[in-house]
Amino acid sequence: MNSSSATRFLAVSLRPLLRPVIIVPLLTSTASVGAFADTLIVEVNNIKKAGEIHVAVYDNAEALEADRGEKGGAAPGIVDGTIVMVEAGTSSFEYELPAGQYAVGIFHDVNLNNKMDNNFLGLPKEQYGFSNNARALFGPPSFEEAAFELKGITKQSIDL
C-alpha cells in the first residue's frame, strides 16, 4: 500500500468514528439548554462588610426549614448555590434551573468559619436573608413564605 492509499484508507476508516464525536456533544449541549431554560437572578443588598456570602437555592420545604446555617455548602434539598467572597454593598448571582417552585436562603459569614453565628439566645449575629424578604424570629421562615415560582427570567432582590 503506497502512502496516498494509506492516507485514503485512514480517512475513510476514521470517518464513521468521528461522526458520534461530533453529534454527541451537539445533542448534549442542546439537551442541557432545553432542560435549564429558566434564569434566577438573586440580588443581595445591604452587605455591611467584606466576607463570604452563602447563597442556597432550595426546592423543598423540609430542606429550607431544617437549615439553621450550622454548615455552609451542599446539602440534600439545595439544588444550586454559591459560596464566594464579597465586598460591602450589593452582589448578584445567576442560576439556570428548570421552571418550578424555589426558595433562597442567604447568610453572610464575616468571620469565615463556614457557619451562621448566633448569640446565647440563638439569634443570628451575622447578616442573613430569604427570598421574598421573608423573616422569622427563631430559625428560617416557612417554605411557603419564602417560595416563588421560577418561570422565564425571575429576579429575587433580598435585603440582609
Protein backbone atom coordinates (compact mmCIF):
# COMPACT_ATOMS: atom_id res chain seq x y z
CA MET A 1 0.00 0.00 0.00
CA ASN A 2 1.50 3.35 -1.01
CA SER A 3 1.30 6.47 1.13
CA SER A 4 -1.65 8.05 -0.73
CA SER A 5 -3.76 4.90 -0.47
CA ALA A 6 -2.78 4.55 3.21
CA THR A 7 -3.94 8.15 3.83
CA ARG A 8 -7.21 7.49 1.95
CA PHE A 9 -7.75 4.27 3.98
CA LEU A 10 -7.13 6.10 7.24
CA ALA A 11 -9.52 8.92 6.33
CA VAL A 12 -12.25 6.55 5.17
CA SER A 13 -11.91 4.20 8.14
CA LEU A 14 -11.98 7.04 10.72
CA ARG A 15 -14.91 8.92 9.19
CA PRO A 16 -17.62 6.76 10.88
CA LEU A 17 -15.79 7.02 14.20
CA LEU A 18 -15.69 10.82 14.08
CA ARG A 19 -19.42 11.21 13.45
CA PRO A 20 -20.51 10.23 17.01
CA VAL A 21 -17.86 12.51 18.48
CA ILE A 22 -19.36 15.47 16.63
CA ILE A 23 -23.02 14.51 17.13
CA VAL A 24 -22.87 13.57 20.83
CA PRO A 25 -21.63 17.00 22.04
CA LEU A 26 -24.27 18.71 19.92
CA LEU A 27 -27.01 16.56 21.41
CA THR A 28 -25.84 17.04 24.98
CA SER A 29 -25.43 20.80 24.59
CA THR A 30 -28.92 21.27 23.15
CA ALA A 31 -30.40 18.93 25.76
CA SER A 32 -28.91 20.94 28.62
CA VAL A 33 -30.16 24.23 27.17
CA GLY A 34 -33.71 22.88 26.92
CA ALA A 35 -33.61 21.40 30.44
CA PHE A 36 -32.46 24.65 32.09
CA ALA A 37 -34.16 27.37 30.13
CA ASP A 38 -35.21 29.49 33.12
CA THR A 39 -32.97 32.02 34.87
CA LEU A 40 -32.98 33.02 38.51
CA ILE A 41 -31.19 36.25 39.38
CA VAL A 42 -30.52 36.73 43.10
CA GLU A 43 -29.56 40.25 44.13
CA VAL A 44 -28.18 40.51 47.68
CA ASN A 45 -28.47 44.01 49.15
CA ASN A 46 -27.12 45.78 52.26
CA ILE A 47 -23.96 43.71 52.70
CA LYS A 48 -22.30 45.60 55.56
CA LYS A 49 -18.73 44.23 55.41
CA ALA A 50 -16.46 42.11 53.28
CA GLY A 51 -16.89 38.39 53.95
CA GLU A 52 -18.13 35.15 52.48
CA ILE A 53 -21.69 35.04 51.19
CA HIS A 54 -23.53 31.71 51.22
CA VAL A 55 -26.48 31.51 48.81
CA ALA A 56 -28.61 28.35 48.77
CA VAL A 57 -31.46 27.63 46.34
CA TYR A 58 -33.94 25.15 47.85
CA ASP A 59 -36.58 23.12 46.04
CA ASN A 60 -38.46 21.75 49.08
CA ALA A 61 -39.81 22.82 52.44
CA GLU A 62 -38.01 20.24 54.55
CA ALA A 63 -34.56 21.36 53.43
CA LEU A 64 -35.19 25.09 53.93
CA GLU A 65 -36.99 24.78 57.24
CA ALA A 66 -34.38 22.42 58.73
CA ASP A 67 -31.36 24.51 57.68
CA ARG A 68 -30.04 26.55 60.61
CA GLY A 69 -26.78 27.54 58.94
CA GLU A 70 -24.72 25.11 61.02
CA LYS A 71 -22.58 24.31 58.00
CA GLY A 72 -22.27 26.04 54.65
CA GLY A 73 -22.14 24.15 51.38
CA ALA A 74 -24.07 21.48 49.52
CA ALA A 75 -26.82 19.53 51.28
CA PRO A 76 -29.89 17.50 50.25
CA GLY A 77 -32.64 19.82 49.04
CA ILE A 78 -30.22 22.53 47.93
CA VAL A 79 -30.33 22.42 44.14
CA ASP A 80 -27.87 25.24 43.46
CA GLY A 81 -25.94 27.90 45.29
CA THR A 82 -22.83 29.98 45.66
CA ILE A 83 -20.16 30.49 48.30
CA VAL A 84 -17.94 33.42 47.39
CA MET A 85 -16.09 36.36 48.94
CA VAL A 86 -17.92 39.68 48.58
CA GLU A 87 -17.31 43.31 49.45
CA ALA A 88 -19.76 45.62 51.20
CA GLY A 89 -22.68 46.74 49.05
CA THR A 90 -24.70 44.64 46.61
CA SER A 91 -23.85 41.40 44.81
CA SER A 92 -25.80 39.48 42.17
CA PHE A 93 -25.81 35.78 41.30
CA GLU A 94 -27.40 33.96 38.39
CA TYR A 95 -28.66 30.36 38.22
CA GLU A 96 -30.06 28.32 35.34
CA LEU A 97 -32.76 25.98 36.68
CA PRO A 98 -35.85 24.15 35.44
CA ALA A 99 -39.11 26.03 35.94
CA GLY A 100 -40.66 25.34 39.33
CA GLN A 101 -41.08 26.50 42.90
CA TYR A 102 -37.97 27.51 44.85
CA ALA A 103 -36.84 29.45 47.91
CA VAL A 104 -33.49 31.14 48.55
CA GLY A 105 -31.64 31.40 51.85
CA ILE A 106 -28.52 33.51 52.40
CA PHE A 107 -26.09 34.10 55.23
CA HIS A 108 -23.04 36.35 55.32
CA ASP A 109 -20.10 34.64 57.02
CA VAL A 110 -17.91 37.57 58.06
CA ASN A 111 -15.53 35.58 60.29
CA LEU A 112 -15.14 32.79 57.66
CA ASN A 113 -15.96 29.88 59.96
CA ASN A 114 -18.40 28.33 57.43
CA LYS A 115 -21.47 28.68 59.66
CA MET A 116 -24.04 31.18 60.84
CA ASP A 117 -23.01 32.50 64.25
CA ASN A 118 -25.71 33.03 66.88
CA ASN A 119 -25.74 34.73 70.27
CA PHE A 120 -26.59 32.96 73.55
CA LEU A 121 -30.33 33.35 72.81
CA GLY A 122 -29.95 31.69 69.41
CA LEU A 123 -30.42 34.92 67.44
CA PRO A 124 -28.12 35.41 64.42
CA LYS A 125 -25.03 37.55 64.91
CA GLU A 126 -24.34 37.63 61.16
CA GLN A 127 -26.47 39.01 58.34
CA TYR A 128 -28.99 36.71 56.66
CA GLY A 129 -31.99 36.87 54.36
CA PHE A 130 -34.54 34.86 52.41
CA SER A 131 -36.40 35.14 49.14
CA ASN A 132 -39.48 37.39 49.25
CA ASN A 133 -37.61 39.06 52.15
CA ALA A 134 -39.45 36.60 54.41
CA ARG A 135 -38.43 36.78 58.08
CA ALA A 136 -38.81 34.60 61.15
CA LEU A 137 -37.60 35.19 64.68
CA PHE A 138 -36.05 31.82 65.59
CA GLY A 139 -34.91 29.93 62.50
CA PRO A 140 -35.85 30.23 58.87
CA PRO A 141 -39.31 31.26 57.64
CA SER A 142 -41.68 28.65 56.27
CA PHE A 143 -41.10 27.50 52.70
CA GLU A 144 -44.48 28.98 51.74
CA GLU A 145 -43.40 32.44 52.93
CA ALA A 146 -40.10 32.33 51.03
CA ALA A 147 -41.23 30.35 47.96
CA PHE A 148 -41.57 31.85 44.49
CA GLU A 149 -42.32 30.49 41.04
CA LEU A 150 -39.38 30.41 38.62
CA LYS A 151 -40.61 30.92 35.08
CA GLY A 152 -38.51 32.60 32.40
CA ILE A 153 -36.27 35.22 33.99
CA THR A 154 -37.11 35.73 37.67
CA LYS A 155 -35.36 38.19 39.98
CA GLN A 156 -35.27 37.99 43.77
CA SER A 157 -33.91 41.09 45.49
CA ILE A 158 -33.02 40.10 49.06
CA ASP A 159 -32.18 42.57 51.82
CA LEU A 160 -29.81 41.35 54.52
